[in-house]
Amino acid sequence: MLRISWTAKKTNDTVLEEAHTTSLLISKIRKRQATFFGHVMRREKLENLVTTGMLEGKRSRGKQREKLIEGLTDWLKAGKSLEAIEATKDRKKWRTMIANAVKQGT
């Protein structure tokens, strides 16, 4: 479509910008993660503790994995993870945050 050679050293992001589109798969995955995270955070069970990383114990060696909350706060542009956690308590506010992030296409 864009006649980009397979030998051209272009990233997926630059190709998507040239095509004036966004990756629909990534935005769908992020939206589903955000809705699931809101569901888990409204319930105050074990899943809540695991998702926020508030469990006791030692951390494993090596580079630490990115937590779900960190990825979602970056995507939602919520600032701090505490703001995102507090926003999940109000379902309407949480859904508008998700809808705004999906509209921005990030």
N, C-alpha and C. Protein backbone atom coordinates (compact mmCIF):
# COMPACT_ATOMS: atom_id res chain seq x y z
N MET A 1 0.83 -1.19 0.00
CA MET A 1 0.00 0.00 0.00
C MET A 1 0.87 1.25 0.00
N LEU A 2 1.83 1.30 0.90
CA LEU A 2 2.70 2.47 0.97
C LEU A 2 3.98 2.27 0.16
N ARG A 3 4.15 1.09 -0.40
CA ARG A 3 5.34 0.74 -1.18
C ARG A 3 6.63 0.94 -0.38
N ILE A 4 6.64 0.36 0.80
CA ILE A 4 7.83 0.41 1.65
C ILE A 4 8.59 -0.89 1.44
N SER A 5 9.85 -0.78 1.10
CA SER A 5 10.67 -1.96 0.86
C SER A 5 10.88 -2.72 2.17
N TRP A 6 10.98 -4.02 2.06
CA TRP A 6 11.18 -4.82 3.27
C TRP A 6 12.58 -4.64 3.82
N THR A 7 13.49 -4.09 3.01
CA THR A 7 14.84 -3.83 3.49
C THR A 7 14.98 -2.46 4.16
N ALA A 8 13.95 -1.64 4.04
CA ALA A 8 13.99 -0.31 4.66
C ALA A 8 13.95 -0.46 6.18
N LYS A 9 14.80 0.29 6.85
CA LYS A 9 14.88 0.20 8.31
C LYS A 9 13.89 1.20 8.91
N LYS A 10 12.62 0.81 8.94
CA LYS A 10 11.58 1.67 9.51
C LYS A 10 10.87 0.91 10.62
N THR A 11 10.57 1.63 11.68
CA THR A 11 9.85 1.00 12.79
C THR A 11 8.36 0.94 12.47
N ASN A 12 7.67 0.11 13.22
CA ASN A 12 6.22 0.01 13.03
C ASN A 12 5.53 1.34 13.31
N ASP A 13 6.03 2.07 14.29
CA ASP A 13 5.42 3.36 14.63
C ASP A 13 5.52 4.35 13.47
N THR A 14 6.67 4.40 12.81
CA THR A 14 6.81 5.34 11.69
C THR A 14 5.93 4.94 10.52
N VAL A 15 5.80 3.65 10.28
CA VAL A 15 4.93 3.19 9.19
C VAL A 15 3.47 3.54 9.50
N LEU A 16 3.07 3.35 10.75
CA LEU A 16 1.69 3.70 11.12
C LEU A 16 1.45 5.20 11.00
N GLU A 17 2.44 6.02 11.33
CA GLU A 17 2.31 7.46 11.19
C GLU A 17 2.18 7.85 9.72
N GLU A 18 2.96 7.21 8.85
CA GLU A 18 2.87 7.49 7.42
C GLU A 18 1.51 7.09 6.86
N ALA A 19 0.94 6.03 7.39
CA ALA A 19 -0.37 5.56 6.93
C ALA A 19 -1.51 6.33 7.59
N HIS A 20 -1.19 7.21 8.53
CA HIS A 20 -2.19 8.00 9.27
C HIS A 20 -3.21 7.09 9.96
N THR A 21 -2.69 6.11 10.66
CA THR A 21 -3.55 5.18 11.39
C THR A 21 -2.85 4.77 12.68
N THR A 22 -3.57 4.04 13.50
CA THR A 22 -3.00 3.52 14.74
C THR A 22 -3.19 2.01 14.76
N SER A 23 -2.46 1.36 15.63
CA SER A 23 -2.58 -0.07 15.78
C SER A 23 -3.84 -0.37 16.60
N LEU A 24 -4.80 -0.98 15.97
CA LEU A 24 -6.07 -1.27 16.66
C LEU A 24 -5.90 -2.37 17.69
N LEU A 25 -5.02 -3.30 17.42
CA LEU A 25 -4.83 -4.42 18.33
C LEU A 25 -4.32 -3.94 19.69
N ILE A 26 -3.33 -3.06 19.68
CA ILE A 26 -2.76 -2.58 20.94
C ILE A 26 -3.81 -1.81 21.74
N SER A 27 -4.59 -0.97 21.08
CA SER A 27 -5.60 -0.20 21.81
C SER A 27 -6.69 -1.10 22.37
N LYS A 28 -7.04 -2.16 21.65
CA LYS A 28 -8.04 -3.10 22.17
C LYS A 28 -7.52 -3.85 23.39
N ILE A 29 -6.26 -4.25 23.33
CA ILE A 29 -5.65 -4.96 24.46
C ILE A 29 -5.60 -4.04 25.68
N ARG A 30 -5.16 -2.81 25.49
CA ARG A 30 -5.08 -1.86 26.60
C ARG A 30 -6.46 -1.58 27.19
N LYS A 31 -7.47 -1.47 26.34
CA LYS A 31 -8.83 -1.22 26.83
C LYS A 31 -9.32 -2.38 27.68
N ARG A 32 -9.07 -3.59 27.22
CA ARG A 32 -9.50 -4.77 27.98
C ARG A 32 -8.73 -4.89 29.30
N GLN A 33 -7.44 -4.57 29.26
CA GLN A 33 -6.66 -4.58 30.50
C GLN A 33 -7.21 -3.57 31.49
N ALA A 34 -7.57 -2.38 30.99
CA ALA A 34 -8.07 -1.33 31.88
C ALA A 34 -9.42 -1.71 32.47
N THR A 35 -10.30 -2.30 31.68
CA THR A 35 -11.60 -2.68 32.22
C THR A 35 -11.45 -3.81 33.24
N PHE A 36 -10.55 -4.75 32.96
CA PHE A 36 -10.31 -5.83 33.92
C PHE A 36 -9.69 -5.29 35.20
N PHE A 37 -8.75 -4.35 35.05
CA PHE A 37 -8.13 -3.76 36.22
C PHE A 37 -9.16 -3.03 37.09
N GLY A 38 -10.07 -2.30 36.46
CA GLY A 38 -11.13 -1.62 37.21
C GLY A 38 -12.00 -2.61 37.95
N HIS A 39 -12.32 -3.72 37.29
CA HIS A 39 -13.15 -4.76 37.90
C HIS A 39 -12.45 -5.35 39.13
N VAL A 40 -11.15 -5.64 38.99
CA VAL A 40 -10.39 -6.24 40.09
C VAL A 40 -10.24 -5.26 41.24
N MET A 41 -10.01 -3.99 40.93
CA MET A 41 -9.77 -3.01 41.99
C MET A 41 -11.04 -2.68 42.77
N ARG A 42 -12.20 -2.81 42.14
CA ARG A 42 -13.44 -2.55 42.87
C ARG A 42 -13.75 -3.67 43.86
N ARG A 43 -13.28 -4.87 43.57
CA ARG A 43 -13.43 -5.98 44.51
C ARG A 43 -12.23 -5.93 45.46
N GLU A 44 -12.44 -6.10 46.70
CA GLU A 44 -11.33 -6.03 47.66
C GLU A 44 -10.98 -7.44 48.11
N LYS A 45 -10.38 -8.18 47.19
CA LYS A 45 -10.01 -9.57 47.45
C LYS A 45 -8.52 -9.75 47.20
N LEU A 46 -8.09 -10.99 47.08
CA LEU A 46 -6.69 -11.32 46.86
C LEU A 46 -6.17 -10.77 45.53
N GLU A 47 -7.03 -10.78 44.50
CA GLU A 47 -6.61 -10.28 43.19
C GLU A 47 -6.19 -8.82 43.28
N ASN A 48 -6.84 -8.06 44.13
CA ASN A 48 -6.52 -6.66 44.34
C ASN A 48 -5.10 -6.52 44.87
N LEU A 49 -4.75 -7.32 45.85
CA LEU A 49 -3.41 -7.27 46.43
C LEU A 49 -2.34 -7.69 45.43
N VAL A 50 -2.64 -8.72 44.65
CA VAL A 50 -1.67 -9.21 43.68
C VAL A 50 -1.44 -8.17 42.59
N THR A 51 -2.50 -7.54 42.11
CA THR A 51 -2.39 -6.57 41.03
C THR A 51 -1.63 -5.33 41.45
N THR A 52 -1.85 -4.86 42.66
CA THR A 52 -1.16 -3.67 43.11
C THR A 52 0.24 -3.96 43.63
N GLY A 53 0.56 -5.23 43.85
CA GLY A 53 1.90 -5.60 44.31
C GLY A 53 2.10 -5.37 45.79
N MET A 54 1.05 -5.45 46.57
CA MET A 54 1.14 -5.20 48.01
C MET A 54 1.37 -6.47 48.82
N LEU A 55 1.81 -7.54 48.19
CA LEU A 55 2.04 -8.79 48.91
C LEU A 55 3.39 -8.76 49.61
N GLU A 56 3.48 -9.48 50.69
CA GLU A 56 4.72 -9.58 51.45
C GLU A 56 5.65 -10.57 50.76
N GLY A 57 6.92 -10.40 50.97
CA GLY A 57 7.87 -11.38 50.45
C GLY A 57 9.03 -10.74 49.73
N LYS A 58 9.94 -11.58 49.26
CA LYS A 58 11.13 -11.11 48.57
C LYS A 58 10.84 -10.94 47.08
N ARG A 59 11.56 -10.00 46.49
CA ARG A 59 11.48 -9.84 45.05
C ARG A 59 12.49 -10.76 44.40
N SER A 60 12.20 -11.15 43.18
CA SER A 60 13.14 -12.02 42.48
C SER A 60 14.32 -11.21 41.96
N ARG A 61 15.39 -11.90 41.62
CA ARG A 61 16.59 -11.24 41.12
C ARG A 61 16.39 -10.78 39.69
N GLY A 62 17.25 -9.88 39.27
CA GLY A 62 17.24 -9.42 37.89
C GLY A 62 16.33 -8.22 37.68
N LYS A 63 16.13 -7.89 36.41
CA LYS A 63 15.28 -6.76 36.09
C LYS A 63 13.83 -7.09 36.45
N GLN A 64 13.21 -6.18 37.16
CA GLN A 64 11.85 -6.42 37.60
C GLN A 64 10.88 -6.21 36.44
N ARG A 65 9.84 -7.01 36.40
CA ARG A 65 8.83 -6.89 35.36
C ARG A 65 8.02 -5.62 35.56
N GLU A 66 7.52 -5.10 34.45
CA GLU A 66 6.67 -3.91 34.56
C GLU A 66 5.32 -4.35 35.12
N LYS A 67 4.85 -3.61 36.09
CA LYS A 67 3.56 -3.94 36.70
C LYS A 67 2.43 -3.45 35.80
N LEU A 68 1.30 -4.11 35.90
CA LEU A 68 0.13 -3.75 35.11
C LEU A 68 -0.29 -2.31 35.40
N ILE A 69 -0.24 -1.91 36.64
CA ILE A 69 -0.67 -0.57 37.03
C ILE A 69 0.22 0.50 36.39
N GLU A 70 1.52 0.22 36.27
CA GLU A 70 2.42 1.20 35.67
C GLU A 70 2.13 1.39 34.19
N GLY A 71 1.89 0.30 33.49
CA GLY A 71 1.55 0.40 32.07
C GLY A 71 0.24 1.12 31.83
N LEU A 72 -0.74 0.86 32.70
CA LEU A 72 -2.05 1.51 32.53
C LEU A 72 -2.00 3.00 32.87
N THR A 73 -1.23 3.37 33.88
CA THR A 73 -1.16 4.80 34.21
C THR A 73 -0.46 5.58 33.11
N ASP A 74 0.52 4.96 32.46
CA ASP A 74 1.15 5.61 31.31
C ASP A 74 0.15 5.77 30.17
N TRP A 75 -0.61 4.73 29.90
CA TRP A 75 -1.58 4.75 28.80
C TRP A 75 -2.72 5.72 29.08
N LEU A 76 -3.20 5.73 30.32
CA LEU A 76 -4.31 6.62 30.68
C LEU A 76 -3.85 8.04 30.97
N LYS A 77 -2.54 8.24 31.07
CA LYS A 77 -1.97 9.53 31.44
C LYS A 77 -2.56 10.02 32.76
N ALA A 78 -2.60 9.09 33.72
CA ALA A 78 -3.20 9.39 35.02
C ALA A 78 -2.22 10.02 35.98
N GLY A 79 -0.97 10.12 35.61
CA GLY A 79 0.01 10.71 36.51
C GLY A 79 0.59 9.65 37.43
N LYS A 80 0.02 9.51 38.59
CA LYS A 80 0.50 8.53 39.55
C LYS A 80 -0.43 7.32 39.58
N SER A 81 0.11 6.20 40.01
CA SER A 81 -0.70 4.99 40.07
C SER A 81 -1.79 5.10 41.13
N LEU A 82 -1.54 5.89 42.17
CA LEU A 82 -2.57 6.08 43.20
C LEU A 82 -3.81 6.77 42.65
N GLU A 83 -3.61 7.70 41.72
CA GLU A 83 -4.75 8.38 41.09
C GLU A 83 -5.58 7.39 40.29
N ALA A 84 -4.92 6.48 39.60
CA ALA A 84 -5.64 5.48 38.81
C ALA A 84 -6.41 4.53 39.72
N ILE A 85 -5.79 4.15 40.83
CA ILE A 85 -6.47 3.24 41.77
C ILE A 85 -7.69 3.91 42.37
N GLU A 86 -7.58 5.18 42.73
CA GLU A 86 -8.72 5.90 43.28
C GLU A 86 -9.82 6.10 42.23
N ALA A 87 -9.43 6.27 40.97
CA ALA A 87 -10.42 6.45 39.91
C ALA A 87 -11.23 5.19 39.67
N THR A 88 -10.68 4.03 39.97
CA THR A 88 -11.42 2.79 39.75
C THR A 88 -12.60 2.65 40.70
N LYS A 89 -12.55 3.32 41.83
CA LYS A 89 -13.66 3.23 42.79
C LYS A 89 -14.94 3.82 42.21
N ASP A 90 -14.80 4.86 41.38
CA ASP A 90 -15.95 5.47 40.72
C ASP A 90 -16.01 4.93 39.29
N ARG A 91 -16.95 4.04 39.04
CA ARG A 91 -17.02 3.35 37.76
C ARG A 91 -17.21 4.30 36.58
N LYS A 92 -18.03 5.33 36.76
CA LYS A 92 -18.29 6.27 35.67
C LYS A 92 -17.02 7.04 35.31
N LYS A 93 -16.29 7.49 36.31
CA LYS A 93 -15.04 8.21 36.07
C LYS A 93 -14.01 7.32 35.39
N TRP A 94 -13.93 6.06 35.83
CA TRP A 94 -12.98 5.12 35.25
C TRP A 94 -13.30 4.87 33.77
N ARG A 95 -14.58 4.70 33.47
CA ARG A 95 -14.96 4.45 32.08
C ARG A 95 -14.69 5.64 31.18
N THR A 96 -14.87 6.85 31.69
CA THR A 96 -14.56 8.03 30.88
C THR A 96 -13.05 8.15 30.66
N MET A 97 -12.25 7.78 31.66
CA MET A 97 -10.79 7.79 31.49
C MET A 97 -10.38 6.81 30.40
N ILE A 98 -10.99 5.63 30.39
CA ILE A 98 -10.67 4.63 29.36
C ILE A 98 -11.10 5.12 27.99
N ALA A 99 -12.31 5.69 27.92
CA ALA A 99 -12.82 6.17 26.63
C ALA A 99 -11.93 7.29 26.08
N ASN A 100 -11.46 8.19 26.93
CA ASN A 100 -10.57 9.26 26.48
C ASN A 100 -9.25 8.72 25.97
N ALA A 101 -8.72 7.71 26.64
CA ALA A 101 -7.45 7.13 26.21
C ALA A 101 -7.62 6.40 24.86
N VAL A 102 -8.75 5.74 24.67
CA VAL A 102 -8.99 5.05 23.41
C VAL A 102 -9.15 6.05 22.27
N LYS A 103 -9.83 7.18 22.54
CA LYS A 103 -10.00 8.22 21.51
C LYS A 103 -8.67 8.80 21.07
N GLN A 104 -7.75 8.96 22.01
CA GLN A 104 -6.44 9.51 21.69
C GLN A 104 -5.62 8.52 20.87
N GLY A 105 -5.97 7.25 20.95
CA GLY A 105 -5.31 6.24 20.14
C GLY A 105 -3.89 5.95 20.52
N THR A 106 -3.58 6.07 21.79
CA THR A 106 -2.21 5.81 22.23
C THR A 106 -2.04 4.38 22.65
